[in-house]
Amino acid sequence: MSQQGSGGNVIAAICNVFIPGLGQLVQGRLGAAILFFVVCAVCYALSATLILIFMWPVGALFHLWSIISAARYNPNHI
C-alpha cells in the first residue's frame, strides 16, 4: 500500500464495511484492528441487549472511523 487512495487502501476500506478492523488487519496494523473490532463489537452487543440501546451510535461512529482510517492510511506518513 503505497499511498492514500491506492488499490490496497480501497480493498481495506471495503473489508471494514463488513467487519470493523479487518481492513487494518489487511494493512498489517494489528493494534488498530483489535481496537476497532473490540470497540464496535462491544457497542453493538450492548445496544442489542436493549439495556444500553444508546450505544449503537458510538459503535456506528467507530465503524465509520475504521473505514475512513483504512482508506486514508499512508505508511510513509508516520
Protein backbone atom coordinates (compact mmCIF):
# COMPACT_ATOMS: atom_id res chain seq x y z
CA MET A 1 0.00 0.00 0.00
CA SER A 2 1.91 2.92 -1.25
CA GLN A 3 -0.29 5.97 -0.70
CA GLN A 4 -3.71 7.27 0.16
CA GLY A 5 -6.29 6.19 -2.39
CA SER A 6 -4.25 3.25 -3.63
CA GLY A 7 -5.95 -0.01 -4.56
CA GLY A 8 -4.85 -1.64 -1.32
CA ASN A 9 -6.48 1.09 0.74
CA VAL A 10 -9.72 0.74 -1.21
CA ILE A 11 -9.75 -3.00 -0.55
CA ALA A 12 -9.04 -2.40 3.14
CA ALA A 13 -11.88 0.12 3.35
CA ILE A 14 -14.28 -2.34 1.72
CA CYS A 15 -13.17 -5.05 4.19
CA ASN A 16 -14.03 -2.67 7.03
CA VAL A 17 -17.57 -2.23 5.74
CA PHE A 18 -18.23 -5.87 6.59
CA ILE A 19 -16.08 -6.34 9.71
CA PRO A 20 -14.65 -3.34 11.58
CA GLY A 21 -10.88 -3.68 11.90
CA LEU A 22 -10.45 -6.19 9.08
CA GLY A 23 -9.06 -3.52 6.77
CA GLN A 24 -6.46 -2.51 9.34
CA LEU A 25 -5.53 -6.17 9.69
CA VAL A 26 -5.09 -6.41 5.92
CA GLN A 27 -2.80 -3.38 6.10
CA GLY A 28 -0.76 -5.00 8.88
CA ARG A 29 -1.89 -2.66 11.67
CA LEU A 30 -2.74 -5.19 14.38
CA GLY A 31 -3.25 -2.72 17.24
CA ALA A 32 -5.72 -0.59 15.30
CA ALA A 33 -7.52 -3.70 14.05
CA ILE A 34 -8.05 -5.02 17.56
CA LEU A 35 -9.14 -1.61 18.86
CA PHE A 36 -11.75 -1.02 16.16
CA PHE A 37 -13.10 -4.56 16.31
CA VAL A 38 -13.42 -4.70 20.09
CA VAL A 39 -14.97 -1.23 20.47
CA CYS A 40 -17.50 -1.83 17.69
CA ALA A 41 -18.36 -5.34 18.89
CA VAL A 42 -18.88 -4.20 22.48
CA CYS A 43 -21.00 -1.21 21.49
CA TYR A 44 -23.16 -3.25 19.11
CA ALA A 45 -23.53 -6.06 21.67
CA LEU A 46 -24.56 -3.63 24.41
CA SER A 47 -27.12 -2.00 22.16
CA ALA A 48 -28.53 -5.42 21.24
CA THR A 49 -29.31 -6.09 24.91
CA LEU A 50 -31.77 -3.16 24.84
CA ILE A 51 -30.42 -2.08 28.22
CA LEU A 52 -27.86 0.28 26.72
CA ILE A 53 -29.62 0.97 23.42
CA PHE A 54 -27.88 4.35 23.17
CA MET A 55 -24.52 2.62 22.50
CA TRP A 56 -25.23 1.89 18.82
CA PRO A 57 -24.34 5.43 17.64
CA VAL A 58 -20.95 5.10 19.34
CA GLY A 59 -20.39 1.77 17.59
CA ALA A 60 -21.53 3.23 14.28
CA LEU A 61 -19.12 6.17 14.63
CA PHE A 62 -16.19 3.84 15.38
CA HIS A 63 -17.24 1.65 12.45
CA LEU A 64 -17.23 4.68 10.14
CA TRP A 65 -13.90 5.82 11.60
CA SER A 66 -12.36 2.41 10.86
CA ILE A 67 -13.47 2.64 7.22
CA ILE A 68 -12.06 6.15 6.80
CA SER A 69 -8.85 5.23 8.64
CA ALA A 70 -8.22 2.33 6.28
CA ALA A 71 -8.96 4.42 3.19
CA ARG A 72 -6.67 7.28 4.22
CA TYR A 73 -3.78 5.18 5.58
CA ASN A 74 -0.33 6.24 4.40
CA PRO A 75 2.52 4.08 5.74
CA ASN A 76 5.12 6.70 4.84
CA HIS A 77 3.41 9.41 6.88
CA ILE A 78 4.50 8.09 10.27
